[in-house]
Amino acid sequence: MTSMRAEYQEYFIERFARYGDDVRTFWGSRRSQEERFQVLCSIGDLTDKSVLDVGCGFGDLFGYLRDRGVKISSYRGFDCVDGVLEIARERYPEGQFENADLLSVAGETHADYVFASGVFFLASEDWGDYTFRMLHAMHSVANCGMAANFLSQYSGHTDDGTSYYADPAKVFTRCMQEISPIVDLRHSYRRNDFTVFVYKDWQNGN
């Protein structure tokens, strides 16, 4: 297990022990979770598309899509806390949930769209290396595109040092230079958050 993945696992095991089957295990509120989901899902038309949710938690992205009538072809969620995955399987038996590390299985799986919500927030000396290895892996398994959100350094506040507040311009530039030139950046939905979309093909013809 990579050191950063182990750090995330330890963090969420503690959160899960504290809050259990509650949105606060992963998010400050249901509203903040769903605002991020809304932006992620604007990546394109998800109808009849397969979705891979990296860091799926309780599988709430699947529920968000289902409740809004989005008919995806399949949903697969990866997480690192077994108790969390048990709840996800109970809530959404139509989905597929696994304790899996994308960096280890990237060569063995594909999905039309790959998402990561609330995955790249822990402060660490390894943040940049780990995050961009994950983004590379997400892009490599995506048939159409991938999207991930981040805490923004322009949020106007920081916490006790637990969280990493990323520079949107630097994330955008590294994605352009290292992964694909077909990149969008959204920094207009929450003061403390931004989302990067990386596509496999140009979206508007010539």
N, C-alpha and C. Protein backbone atom coordinates (compact mmCIF):
# COMPACT_ATOMS: atom_id res chain seq x y z
N MET A 1 0.84 -1.19 0.00
CA MET A 1 0.00 0.00 0.00
C MET A 1 0.88 1.25 0.00
N THR A 2 0.59 2.21 -0.90
CA THR A 2 1.36 3.44 -0.94
C THR A 2 1.18 4.20 0.37
N SER A 3 2.18 5.02 0.72
CA SER A 3 2.13 5.71 2.00
C SER A 3 0.96 6.67 2.07
N MET A 4 0.68 7.39 0.99
CA MET A 4 -0.45 8.32 1.01
C MET A 4 -1.78 7.57 1.13
N ARG A 5 -1.92 6.45 0.44
CA ARG A 5 -3.16 5.68 0.56
C ARG A 5 -3.33 5.20 2.01
N ALA A 6 -2.22 4.80 2.63
CA ALA A 6 -2.28 4.38 4.03
C ALA A 6 -2.69 5.53 4.94
N GLU A 7 -2.23 6.74 4.63
CA GLU A 7 -2.63 7.91 5.42
C GLU A 7 -4.12 8.18 5.28
N TYR A 8 -4.63 8.09 4.05
CA TYR A 8 -6.06 8.27 3.85
C TYR A 8 -6.86 7.18 4.57
N GLN A 9 -6.38 5.96 4.49
CA GLN A 9 -7.08 4.87 5.15
C GLN A 9 -7.16 5.12 6.65
N GLU A 10 -6.04 5.49 7.25
CA GLU A 10 -6.03 5.77 8.69
C GLU A 10 -6.98 6.91 9.03
N TYR A 11 -6.97 7.96 8.22
CA TYR A 11 -7.82 9.12 8.47
C TYR A 11 -9.30 8.74 8.45
N PHE A 12 -9.70 7.97 7.43
CA PHE A 12 -11.12 7.66 7.30
C PHE A 12 -11.57 6.53 8.22
N ILE A 13 -10.68 5.67 8.62
CA ILE A 13 -11.04 4.69 9.66
C ILE A 13 -11.41 5.43 10.94
N GLU A 14 -10.64 6.46 11.28
CA GLU A 14 -10.94 7.25 12.47
C GLU A 14 -12.26 8.01 12.31
N ARG A 15 -12.47 8.61 11.13
CA ARG A 15 -13.72 9.34 10.89
C ARG A 15 -14.92 8.40 10.94
N PHE A 16 -14.76 7.23 10.35
CA PHE A 16 -15.85 6.25 10.34
C PHE A 16 -16.17 5.77 11.75
N ALA A 17 -15.13 5.56 12.55
CA ALA A 17 -15.35 5.16 13.94
C ALA A 17 -16.09 6.25 14.72
N ARG A 18 -15.84 7.51 14.37
CA ARG A 18 -16.46 8.63 15.07
C ARG A 18 -17.91 8.86 14.63
N TYR A 19 -18.15 8.83 13.30
CA TYR A 19 -19.45 9.23 12.78
C TYR A 19 -20.30 8.08 12.23
N GLY A 20 -19.67 6.97 11.86
CA GLY A 20 -20.42 5.85 11.34
C GLY A 20 -21.10 6.17 10.02
N ASP A 21 -22.30 5.64 9.85
CA ASP A 21 -23.06 5.80 8.61
C ASP A 21 -23.68 7.20 8.57
N ASP A 22 -22.84 8.18 8.29
CA ASP A 22 -23.27 9.58 8.32
C ASP A 22 -22.40 10.35 7.33
N VAL A 23 -22.99 11.33 6.67
CA VAL A 23 -22.25 12.11 5.67
C VAL A 23 -21.01 12.75 6.26
N ARG A 24 -21.01 13.02 7.58
CA ARG A 24 -19.86 13.69 8.20
C ARG A 24 -18.60 12.83 8.22
N THR A 25 -18.74 11.53 7.96
CA THR A 25 -17.54 10.71 7.80
C THR A 25 -16.66 11.25 6.68
N PHE A 26 -17.29 11.83 5.66
CA PHE A 26 -16.55 12.30 4.49
C PHE A 26 -16.69 13.79 4.20
N TRP A 27 -17.82 14.39 4.58
CA TRP A 27 -18.12 15.76 4.17
C TRP A 27 -18.66 16.57 5.34
N GLY A 28 -18.56 17.89 5.20
CA GLY A 28 -19.11 18.76 6.21
C GLY A 28 -20.62 18.74 6.23
N SER A 29 -21.22 18.52 5.06
CA SER A 29 -22.68 18.50 4.96
C SER A 29 -23.08 17.78 3.68
N ARG A 30 -24.35 17.36 3.62
CA ARG A 30 -24.87 16.76 2.39
C ARG A 30 -24.85 17.78 1.26
N ARG A 31 -25.14 19.03 1.58
CA ARG A 31 -25.16 20.06 0.54
C ARG A 31 -23.79 20.22 -0.11
N SER A 32 -22.73 20.28 0.68
CA SER A 32 -21.40 20.46 0.10
C SER A 32 -21.01 19.26 -0.74
N GLN A 33 -21.41 18.07 -0.30
CA GLN A 33 -21.15 16.86 -1.09
C GLN A 33 -21.85 16.93 -2.44
N GLU A 34 -23.14 17.27 -2.42
CA GLU A 34 -23.92 17.24 -3.65
C GLU A 34 -23.57 18.38 -4.59
N GLU A 35 -23.14 19.52 -4.06
CA GLU A 35 -22.67 20.60 -4.93
C GLU A 35 -21.46 20.14 -5.74
N ARG A 36 -20.60 19.39 -5.11
CA ARG A 36 -19.43 18.87 -5.82
C ARG A 36 -19.84 17.80 -6.83
N PHE A 37 -20.78 16.93 -6.45
CA PHE A 37 -21.26 15.92 -7.38
C PHE A 37 -21.85 16.57 -8.63
N GLN A 38 -22.62 17.64 -8.43
CA GLN A 38 -23.25 18.31 -9.57
C GLN A 38 -22.21 18.78 -10.58
N VAL A 39 -21.12 19.35 -10.07
CA VAL A 39 -20.07 19.83 -10.97
C VAL A 39 -19.38 18.66 -11.65
N LEU A 40 -19.01 17.64 -10.90
CA LEU A 40 -18.35 16.48 -11.49
C LEU A 40 -19.18 15.91 -12.63
N CYS A 41 -20.49 15.78 -12.42
CA CYS A 41 -21.36 15.13 -13.40
C CYS A 41 -21.65 16.00 -14.61
N SER A 42 -21.20 17.26 -14.58
CA SER A 42 -21.33 18.11 -15.76
C SER A 42 -20.25 17.83 -16.79
N ILE A 43 -19.42 16.84 -16.55
CA ILE A 43 -18.33 16.50 -17.47
C ILE A 43 -18.84 16.14 -18.86
N GLY A 44 -20.04 15.58 -18.95
CA GLY A 44 -20.61 15.17 -20.23
C GLY A 44 -21.90 14.40 -20.01
N ASP A 45 -22.43 13.86 -21.09
CA ASP A 45 -23.65 13.07 -21.01
C ASP A 45 -23.29 11.68 -20.48
N LEU A 46 -23.75 11.37 -19.29
CA LEU A 46 -23.42 10.10 -18.64
C LEU A 46 -24.38 8.98 -18.99
N THR A 47 -25.39 9.27 -19.79
CA THR A 47 -26.39 8.26 -20.15
C THR A 47 -25.73 7.08 -20.84
N ASP A 48 -26.01 5.89 -20.33
CA ASP A 48 -25.48 4.64 -20.89
C ASP A 48 -23.95 4.56 -20.83
N LYS A 49 -23.35 5.33 -19.93
CA LYS A 49 -21.91 5.30 -19.78
C LYS A 49 -21.54 4.58 -18.48
N SER A 50 -20.36 3.96 -18.46
CA SER A 50 -19.85 3.33 -17.26
C SER A 50 -19.08 4.34 -16.43
N VAL A 51 -19.19 4.20 -15.10
CA VAL A 51 -18.59 5.15 -14.18
C VAL A 51 -17.70 4.40 -13.19
N LEU A 52 -16.50 4.93 -12.97
CA LEU A 52 -15.62 4.45 -11.91
C LEU A 52 -15.45 5.59 -10.92
N ASP A 53 -15.77 5.33 -9.67
CA ASP A 53 -15.74 6.33 -8.60
C ASP A 53 -14.59 5.97 -7.66
N VAL A 54 -13.51 6.74 -7.74
CA VAL A 54 -12.30 6.47 -6.95
C VAL A 54 -12.42 7.19 -5.61
N GLY A 55 -12.40 6.42 -4.53
CA GLY A 55 -12.68 6.99 -3.22
C GLY A 55 -14.17 7.18 -3.06
N CYS A 56 -14.92 6.11 -3.29
CA CYS A 56 -16.39 6.17 -3.41
C CYS A 56 -17.11 6.38 -2.10
N GLY A 57 -16.45 6.12 -0.96
CA GLY A 57 -17.14 6.24 0.31
C GLY A 57 -18.36 5.32 0.37
N PHE A 58 -19.49 5.88 0.75
CA PHE A 58 -20.72 5.10 0.87
C PHE A 58 -21.42 4.90 -0.47
N GLY A 59 -20.78 5.30 -1.56
CA GLY A 59 -21.40 5.14 -2.88
C GLY A 59 -22.43 6.20 -3.20
N ASP A 60 -22.36 7.35 -2.53
CA ASP A 60 -23.40 8.36 -2.68
C ASP A 60 -23.44 8.99 -4.06
N LEU A 61 -22.35 8.95 -4.81
CA LEU A 61 -22.40 9.44 -6.19
C LEU A 61 -23.35 8.58 -7.02
N PHE A 62 -23.34 7.28 -6.77
CA PHE A 62 -24.28 6.39 -7.46
C PHE A 62 -25.71 6.79 -7.11
N GLY A 63 -25.98 7.02 -5.82
CA GLY A 63 -27.31 7.43 -5.41
C GLY A 63 -27.71 8.77 -5.99
N TYR A 64 -26.76 9.70 -6.08
CA TYR A 64 -27.02 11.01 -6.66
C TYR A 64 -27.47 10.88 -8.12
N LEU A 65 -26.77 10.05 -8.87
CA LEU A 65 -27.15 9.84 -10.28
C LEU A 65 -28.49 9.14 -10.39
N ARG A 66 -28.69 8.11 -9.61
CA ARG A 66 -29.94 7.35 -9.65
C ARG A 66 -31.13 8.24 -9.32
N ASP A 67 -31.01 9.05 -8.27
CA ASP A 67 -32.12 9.88 -7.83
C ASP A 67 -32.47 10.96 -8.83
N ARG A 68 -31.55 11.29 -9.73
CA ARG A 68 -31.81 12.30 -10.75
C ARG A 68 -32.12 11.68 -12.11
N GLY A 69 -32.31 10.39 -12.11
CA GLY A 69 -32.75 9.71 -13.32
C GLY A 69 -31.69 9.54 -14.38
N VAL A 70 -30.42 9.63 -13.98
CA VAL A 70 -29.34 9.43 -14.95
C VAL A 70 -29.09 7.93 -15.09
N LYS A 71 -29.33 7.39 -16.28
CA LYS A 71 -29.26 5.95 -16.51
C LYS A 71 -27.87 5.56 -17.00
N ILE A 72 -26.95 5.42 -16.06
CA ILE A 72 -25.62 4.96 -16.44
C ILE A 72 -25.66 3.46 -16.73
N SER A 73 -24.66 2.96 -17.46
CA SER A 73 -24.64 1.53 -17.79
C SER A 73 -24.10 0.69 -16.64
N SER A 74 -23.16 1.23 -15.87
CA SER A 74 -22.61 0.50 -14.73
C SER A 74 -21.88 1.47 -13.81
N TYR A 75 -21.77 1.07 -12.55
CA TYR A 75 -21.07 1.87 -11.55
C TYR A 75 -20.15 0.95 -10.77
N ARG A 76 -18.90 1.41 -10.63
CA ARG A 76 -17.90 0.68 -9.86
C ARG A 76 -17.23 1.65 -8.92
N GLY A 77 -17.16 1.30 -7.64
CA GLY A 77 -16.57 2.18 -6.65
C GLY A 77 -15.40 1.54 -5.95
N PHE A 78 -14.31 2.30 -5.80
CA PHE A 78 -13.13 1.87 -5.05
C PHE A 78 -13.04 2.66 -3.75
N ASP A 79 -12.71 1.98 -2.66
CA ASP A 79 -12.42 2.66 -1.41
C ASP A 79 -11.43 1.81 -0.62
N CYS A 80 -10.99 2.35 0.54
CA CYS A 80 -9.95 1.66 1.30
C CYS A 80 -10.38 1.28 2.71
N VAL A 81 -11.68 1.46 3.03
CA VAL A 81 -12.17 1.14 4.38
C VAL A 81 -13.28 0.10 4.24
N ASP A 82 -13.05 -1.09 4.74
CA ASP A 82 -13.98 -2.19 4.54
C ASP A 82 -15.37 -1.90 5.12
N GLY A 83 -15.42 -1.30 6.31
CA GLY A 83 -16.72 -1.00 6.91
C GLY A 83 -17.54 -0.04 6.07
N VAL A 84 -16.88 0.93 5.47
CA VAL A 84 -17.55 1.87 4.58
C VAL A 84 -18.09 1.15 3.35
N LEU A 85 -17.30 0.25 2.80
CA LEU A 85 -17.73 -0.50 1.61
C LEU A 85 -18.92 -1.41 1.93
N GLU A 86 -18.96 -1.96 3.12
CA GLU A 86 -20.11 -2.78 3.50
C GLU A 86 -21.40 -1.98 3.46
N ILE A 87 -21.34 -0.75 3.96
CA ILE A 87 -22.52 0.12 3.92
C ILE A 87 -22.88 0.46 2.48
N ALA A 88 -21.88 0.75 1.66
CA ALA A 88 -22.14 1.06 0.25
C ALA A 88 -22.86 -0.09 -0.44
N ARG A 89 -22.43 -1.32 -0.18
CA ARG A 89 -23.06 -2.49 -0.81
C ARG A 89 -24.50 -2.66 -0.35
N GLU A 90 -24.74 -2.36 0.93
CA GLU A 90 -26.11 -2.46 1.45
C GLU A 90 -27.00 -1.38 0.84
N ARG A 91 -26.50 -0.17 0.71
CA ARG A 91 -27.29 0.93 0.18
C ARG A 91 -27.58 0.76 -1.31
N TYR A 92 -26.56 0.35 -2.04
CA TYR A 92 -26.66 0.34 -3.50
C TYR A 92 -26.22 -1.02 -4.05
N PRO A 93 -27.08 -2.03 -3.90
CA PRO A 93 -26.70 -3.37 -4.37
C PRO A 93 -26.50 -3.46 -5.87
N GLU A 94 -26.99 -2.46 -6.61
CA GLU A 94 -26.80 -2.47 -8.06
C GLU A 94 -25.37 -2.09 -8.46
N GLY A 95 -24.65 -1.47 -7.54
CA GLY A 95 -23.27 -1.07 -7.83
C GLY A 95 -22.27 -2.17 -7.49
N GLN A 96 -21.04 -1.94 -7.90
CA GLN A 96 -19.95 -2.87 -7.59
C GLN A 96 -18.93 -2.10 -6.75
N PHE A 97 -18.63 -2.60 -5.55
CA PHE A 97 -17.76 -1.89 -4.62
C PHE A 97 -16.60 -2.79 -4.21
N GLU A 98 -15.39 -2.20 -4.25
CA GLU A 98 -14.19 -2.99 -4.00
C GLU A 98 -13.20 -2.21 -3.14
N ASN A 99 -12.49 -2.92 -2.29
CA ASN A 99 -11.34 -2.35 -1.62
C ASN A 99 -10.16 -2.52 -2.58
N ALA A 100 -9.92 -1.48 -3.35
CA ALA A 100 -8.93 -1.57 -4.43
C ALA A 100 -8.16 -0.27 -4.52
N ASP A 101 -6.91 -0.39 -4.94
CA ASP A 101 -6.01 0.74 -5.15
C ASP A 101 -5.89 0.95 -6.66
N LEU A 102 -6.36 2.08 -7.16
CA LEU A 102 -6.32 2.33 -8.60
C LEU A 102 -4.91 2.21 -9.16
N LEU A 103 -3.91 2.62 -8.40
CA LEU A 103 -2.53 2.56 -8.89
C LEU A 103 -2.08 1.12 -9.13
N SER A 104 -2.72 0.18 -8.44
CA SER A 104 -2.35 -1.23 -8.59
C SER A 104 -3.13 -1.95 -9.68
N VAL A 105 -4.33 -1.43 -10.01
CA VAL A 105 -5.20 -2.15 -10.95
C VAL A 105 -5.47 -1.37 -12.22
N ALA A 106 -4.77 -0.26 -12.43
CA ALA A 106 -5.05 0.60 -13.58
C ALA A 106 -4.94 -0.13 -14.90
N GLY A 107 -4.06 -1.10 -14.99
CA GLY A 107 -3.91 -1.83 -16.24
C GLY A 107 -4.97 -2.88 -16.48
N GLU A 108 -5.86 -3.06 -15.50
CA GLU A 108 -6.83 -4.15 -15.57
C GLU A 108 -8.27 -3.67 -15.66
N THR A 109 -8.50 -2.36 -15.71
CA THR A 109 -9.88 -1.86 -15.68
C THR A 109 -10.03 -0.65 -16.58
N HIS A 110 -11.25 -0.43 -17.04
CA HIS A 110 -11.59 0.75 -17.84
C HIS A 110 -13.00 1.18 -17.50
N ALA A 111 -13.28 2.46 -17.70
CA ALA A 111 -14.62 3.01 -17.55
C ALA A 111 -14.72 4.22 -18.47
N ASP A 112 -15.93 4.55 -18.85
CA ASP A 112 -16.10 5.71 -19.72
C ASP A 112 -15.69 6.99 -18.99
N TYR A 113 -16.19 7.15 -17.77
CA TYR A 113 -15.84 8.33 -16.97
C TYR A 113 -15.32 7.89 -15.60
N VAL A 114 -14.28 8.57 -15.15
CA VAL A 114 -13.65 8.27 -13.86
C VAL A 114 -13.70 9.53 -13.01
N PHE A 115 -14.19 9.39 -11.77
CA PHE A 115 -14.36 10.52 -10.87
C PHE A 115 -13.60 10.30 -9.57
N ALA A 116 -13.15 11.42 -8.99
CA ALA A 116 -12.57 11.41 -7.64
C ALA A 116 -13.06 12.66 -6.93
N SER A 117 -13.87 12.46 -5.90
CA SER A 117 -14.44 13.59 -5.16
C SER A 117 -14.00 13.52 -3.70
N GLY A 118 -13.32 14.57 -3.25
CA GLY A 118 -12.84 14.60 -1.88
C GLY A 118 -11.72 13.63 -1.61
N VAL A 119 -10.91 13.37 -2.63
CA VAL A 119 -9.86 12.36 -2.52
C VAL A 119 -8.48 12.99 -2.29
N PHE A 120 -8.26 14.20 -2.79
CA PHE A 120 -6.92 14.77 -2.80
C PHE A 120 -6.79 15.95 -1.83
N PHE A 121 -7.19 15.74 -0.59
CA PHE A 121 -7.24 16.86 0.34
C PHE A 121 -6.25 16.76 1.50
N LEU A 122 -5.69 15.60 1.76
CA LEU A 122 -4.81 15.46 2.93
C LEU A 122 -3.45 16.09 2.66
N ALA A 123 -3.02 16.94 3.57
CA ALA A 123 -1.70 17.56 3.44
C ALA A 123 -0.61 16.53 3.69
N SER A 124 0.39 16.52 2.83
CA SER A 124 1.51 15.58 2.95
C SER A 124 2.66 16.06 2.07
N GLU A 125 3.87 15.71 2.46
CA GLU A 125 5.02 16.00 1.61
C GLU A 125 4.92 15.28 0.26
N ASP A 126 4.16 14.18 0.24
CA ASP A 126 4.01 13.39 -0.98
C ASP A 126 2.79 13.79 -1.80
N TRP A 127 2.13 14.91 -1.42
CA TRP A 127 0.87 15.25 -2.07
C TRP A 127 0.99 15.34 -3.59
N GLY A 128 1.94 16.10 -4.08
CA GLY A 128 2.06 16.29 -5.52
C GLY A 128 2.35 15.01 -6.27
N ASP A 129 3.30 14.23 -5.77
CA ASP A 129 3.66 12.98 -6.43
C ASP A 129 2.47 12.02 -6.45
N TYR A 130 1.84 11.83 -5.30
CA TYR A 130 0.73 10.89 -5.21
C TYR A 130 -0.45 11.36 -6.06
N THR A 131 -0.80 12.62 -5.94
CA THR A 131 -1.96 13.14 -6.66
C THR A 131 -1.80 12.98 -8.16
N PHE A 132 -0.64 13.30 -8.68
CA PHE A 132 -0.49 13.23 -10.14
C PHE A 132 -0.28 11.81 -10.64
N ARG A 133 0.22 10.93 -9.81
CA ARG A 133 0.20 9.52 -10.20
C ARG A 133 -1.24 9.02 -10.28
N MET A 134 -2.07 9.45 -9.35
CA MET A 134 -3.48 9.07 -9.38
C MET A 134 -4.19 9.67 -10.59
N LEU A 135 -3.95 10.93 -10.88
CA LEU A 135 -4.59 11.57 -12.03
C LEU A 135 -4.16 10.91 -13.33
N HIS A 136 -2.88 10.57 -13.45
CA HIS A 136 -2.42 9.82 -14.62
C HIS A 136 -3.17 8.50 -14.75
N ALA A 137 -3.30 7.80 -13.63
CA ALA A 137 -3.98 6.50 -13.65
C ALA A 137 -5.45 6.66 -14.01
N MET A 138 -6.12 7.67 -13.45
CA MET A 138 -7.52 7.92 -13.79
C MET A 138 -7.68 8.17 -15.28
N HIS A 139 -6.81 9.00 -15.83
CA HIS A 139 -6.89 9.30 -17.26
C HIS A 139 -6.61 8.06 -18.10
N SER A 140 -5.70 7.21 -17.64
CA SER A 140 -5.33 6.03 -18.44
C SER A 140 -6.46 5.02 -18.53
N VAL A 141 -7.34 4.97 -17.53
CA VAL A 141 -8.42 3.99 -17.55
C VAL A 141 -9.73 4.58 -18.07
N ALA A 142 -9.76 5.88 -18.32
CA ALA A 142 -10.98 6.54 -18.79
C ALA A 142 -11.10 6.46 -20.31
N ASN A 143 -12.24 6.03 -20.80
CA ASN A 143 -12.48 6.01 -22.23
C ASN A 143 -12.85 7.40 -22.76
N CYS A 144 -13.56 8.17 -21.94
CA CYS A 144 -14.04 9.49 -22.38
C CYS A 144 -13.38 10.64 -21.61
N GLY A 145 -13.27 10.51 -20.31
CA GLY A 145 -12.68 11.58 -19.53
C GLY A 145 -12.71 11.31 -18.05
N MET A 146 -12.07 12.20 -17.29
CA MET A 146 -12.02 12.07 -15.85
C MET A 146 -12.17 13.45 -15.22
N ALA A 147 -12.64 13.45 -13.96
CA ALA A 147 -12.80 14.70 -13.23
C ALA A 147 -12.45 14.48 -11.77
N ALA A 148 -11.82 15.49 -11.18
CA ALA A 148 -11.43 15.42 -9.77
C ALA A 148 -11.55 16.81 -9.16
N ASN A 149 -11.92 16.87 -7.89
CA ASN A 149 -11.99 18.16 -7.22
C ASN A 149 -10.91 18.28 -6.14
N PHE A 150 -10.64 19.54 -5.79
CA PHE A 150 -9.55 19.88 -4.88
C PHE A 150 -9.97 21.05 -4.00
N LEU A 151 -9.40 21.15 -2.83
CA LEU A 151 -9.53 22.35 -2.04
C LEU A 151 -8.64 23.44 -2.64
N SER A 152 -9.15 24.67 -2.66
CA SER A 152 -8.45 25.76 -3.33
C SER A 152 -7.69 26.65 -2.36
N GLN A 153 -6.50 27.05 -2.76
CA GLN A 153 -5.73 27.97 -1.94
C GLN A 153 -6.37 29.37 -1.90
N TYR A 154 -7.36 29.60 -2.75
CA TYR A 154 -8.04 30.89 -2.76
C TYR A 154 -9.32 30.86 -1.92
N SER A 155 -9.45 29.88 -1.06
CA SER A 155 -10.65 29.73 -0.26
C SER A 155 -10.81 30.83 0.78
N GLY A 156 -9.71 31.48 1.13
CA GLY A 156 -9.78 32.55 2.12
C GLY A 156 -9.59 32.08 3.55
N HIS A 157 -9.48 30.76 3.73
CA HIS A 157 -9.20 30.24 5.07
C HIS A 157 -8.52 28.89 4.93
N THR A 158 -7.86 28.48 5.96
CA THR A 158 -7.25 27.15 6.01
C THR A 158 -7.60 26.53 7.35
N ASP A 159 -7.41 25.21 7.45
CA ASP A 159 -7.71 24.53 8.71
C ASP A 159 -6.44 24.40 9.55
N ASP A 160 -6.41 23.39 10.40
CA ASP A 160 -5.29 23.23 11.33
C ASP A 160 -4.05 22.61 10.70
N GLY A 161 -4.03 22.51 9.39
CA GLY A 161 -2.89 21.91 8.69
C GLY A 161 -3.18 20.52 8.18
N THR A 162 -4.37 19.98 8.48
CA THR A 162 -4.74 18.65 7.99
C THR A 162 -4.91 18.64 6.48
N SER A 163 -5.46 19.73 5.93
CA SER A 163 -5.87 19.75 4.53
C SER A 163 -4.84 20.45 3.64
N TYR A 164 -4.82 20.02 2.38
CA TYR A 164 -3.94 20.63 1.38
C TYR A 164 -4.78 21.52 0.47
N TYR A 165 -4.43 22.79 0.41
CA TYR A 165 -5.12 23.77 -0.42
C TYR A 165 -4.29 24.00 -1.67
N ALA A 166 -4.76 23.47 -2.78
CA ALA A 166 -3.97 23.45 -4.01
C ALA A 166 -4.10 24.75 -4.79
N ASP A 167 -3.09 25.03 -5.59
CA ASP A 167 -3.09 26.17 -6.50
C ASP A 167 -3.78 25.73 -7.79
N PRO A 168 -4.97 26.25 -8.11
CA PRO A 168 -5.69 25.80 -9.30
C PRO A 168 -4.87 25.94 -10.59
N ALA A 169 -4.15 27.04 -10.72
CA ALA A 169 -3.37 27.25 -11.94
C ALA A 169 -2.28 26.20 -12.09
N LYS A 170 -1.65 25.83 -10.99
CA LYS A 170 -0.59 24.83 -11.06
C LYS A 170 -1.14 23.45 -11.39
N VAL A 171 -2.29 23.10 -10.79
CA VAL A 171 -2.90 21.80 -11.10
C VAL A 171 -3.29 21.76 -12.58
N PHE A 172 -3.93 22.84 -13.06
CA PHE A 172 -4.32 22.92 -14.46
C PHE A 172 -3.11 22.78 -15.39
N THR A 173 -2.05 23.50 -15.08
CA THR A 173 -0.86 23.49 -15.93
C THR A 173 -0.21 22.11 -15.96
N ARG A 174 -0.09 21.49 -14.79
CA ARG A 174 0.52 20.15 -14.76
C ARG A 174 -0.34 19.14 -15.53
N CYS A 175 -1.66 19.25 -15.41
CA CYS A 175 -2.52 18.35 -16.19
C CYS A 175 -2.28 18.57 -17.68
N MET A 176 -2.21 19.84 -18.11
CA MET A 176 -1.97 20.16 -19.52
C MET A 176 -0.63 19.61 -19.99
N GLN A 177 0.39 19.77 -19.19
CA GLN A 177 1.75 19.41 -19.59
C GLN A 177 2.02 17.92 -19.48
N GLU A 178 1.42 17.26 -18.47
CA GLU A 178 1.80 15.89 -18.15
C GLU A 178 0.77 14.83 -18.55
N ILE A 179 -0.50 15.25 -18.70
CA ILE A 179 -1.54 14.25 -18.93
C ILE A 179 -2.21 14.43 -20.28
N SER A 180 -2.80 15.60 -20.52
CA SER A 180 -3.51 15.84 -21.77
C SER A 180 -3.72 17.34 -21.94
N PRO A 181 -3.69 17.86 -23.16
CA PRO A 181 -3.97 19.28 -23.36
C PRO A 181 -5.47 19.60 -23.35
N ILE A 182 -6.31 18.57 -23.22
CA ILE A 182 -7.76 18.76 -23.29
C ILE A 182 -8.30 18.84 -21.87
N VAL A 183 -8.21 20.03 -21.29
CA VAL A 183 -8.48 20.22 -19.86
C VAL A 183 -9.42 21.41 -19.66
N ASP A 184 -10.37 21.26 -18.74
CA ASP A 184 -11.21 22.36 -18.27
C ASP A 184 -10.99 22.54 -16.78
N LEU A 185 -11.17 23.77 -16.30
CA LEU A 185 -11.06 24.09 -14.88
C LEU A 185 -12.31 24.85 -14.46
N ARG A 186 -12.95 24.42 -13.36
CA ARG A 186 -14.11 25.12 -12.81
C ARG A 186 -13.76 25.60 -11.39
N HIS A 187 -13.83 26.91 -11.21
CA HIS A 187 -13.57 27.50 -9.90
C HIS A 187 -14.67 28.51 -9.59
N SER A 188 -15.92 28.14 -9.89
CA SER A 188 -17.01 29.12 -9.81
C SER A 188 -18.21 28.63 -9.02
N TYR A 189 -18.09 27.53 -8.31
CA TYR A 189 -19.25 26.95 -7.63
C TYR A 189 -19.15 27.00 -6.11
N ARG A 190 -17.93 26.95 -5.58
CA ARG A 190 -17.71 27.10 -4.14
C ARG A 190 -16.41 27.86 -3.94
N ARG A 191 -16.39 28.71 -2.91
CA ARG A 191 -15.19 29.51 -2.66
C ARG A 191 -13.97 28.64 -2.39
N ASN A 192 -14.18 27.50 -1.74
CA ASN A 192 -13.04 26.71 -1.26
C ASN A 192 -12.73 25.50 -2.13
N ASP A 193 -13.24 25.45 -3.35
CA ASP A 193 -13.14 24.21 -4.12
C ASP A 193 -12.98 24.51 -5.61
N PHE A 194 -12.30 23.61 -6.31
CA PHE A 194 -12.28 23.68 -7.77
C PHE A 194 -12.23 22.27 -8.33
N THR A 195 -12.63 22.15 -9.59
CA THR A 195 -12.68 20.85 -10.26
C THR A 195 -11.93 20.93 -11.58
N VAL A 196 -11.18 19.90 -11.87
CA VAL A 196 -10.47 19.78 -13.14
C VAL A 196 -11.07 18.62 -13.93
N PHE A 197 -11.35 18.88 -15.21
CA PHE A 197 -11.84 17.86 -16.14
C PHE A 197 -10.76 17.60 -17.17
N VAL A 198 -10.43 16.35 -17.39
CA VAL A 198 -9.44 15.98 -18.40
C VAL A 198 -10.10 14.98 -19.35
N TYR A 199 -10.14 15.34 -20.63
CA TYR A 199 -10.85 14.54 -21.62
C TYR A 199 -9.87 13.75 -22.49
N LYS A 200 -10.40 12.73 -23.14
CA LYS A 200 -9.60 11.94 -24.08
C LYS A 200 -9.64 12.52 -25.50
N ASP A 201 -10.73 13.20 -25.86
CA ASP A 201 -10.88 13.76 -27.21
C ASP A 201 -11.41 15.19 -27.11
N TRP A 202 -11.13 15.98 -28.13
CA TRP A 202 -11.65 17.34 -28.17
C TRP A 202 -13.18 17.29 -28.20
N GLN A 203 -13.82 18.22 -27.50
CA GLN A 203 -15.26 18.17 -27.30
C GLN A 203 -16.08 18.89 -28.36
N ASN A 204 -15.47 19.72 -29.18
CA ASN A 204 -16.24 20.56 -30.10
C ASN A 204 -15.72 20.49 -31.53
N GLY A 205 -15.67 19.29 -32.08
CA GLY A 205 -15.32 19.13 -33.48
C GLY A 205 -13.93 19.63 -33.80
N ASN A 206 -13.79 20.38 -34.90
CA ASN A 206 -12.49 20.86 -35.34
C ASN A 206 -12.04 22.08 -34.53
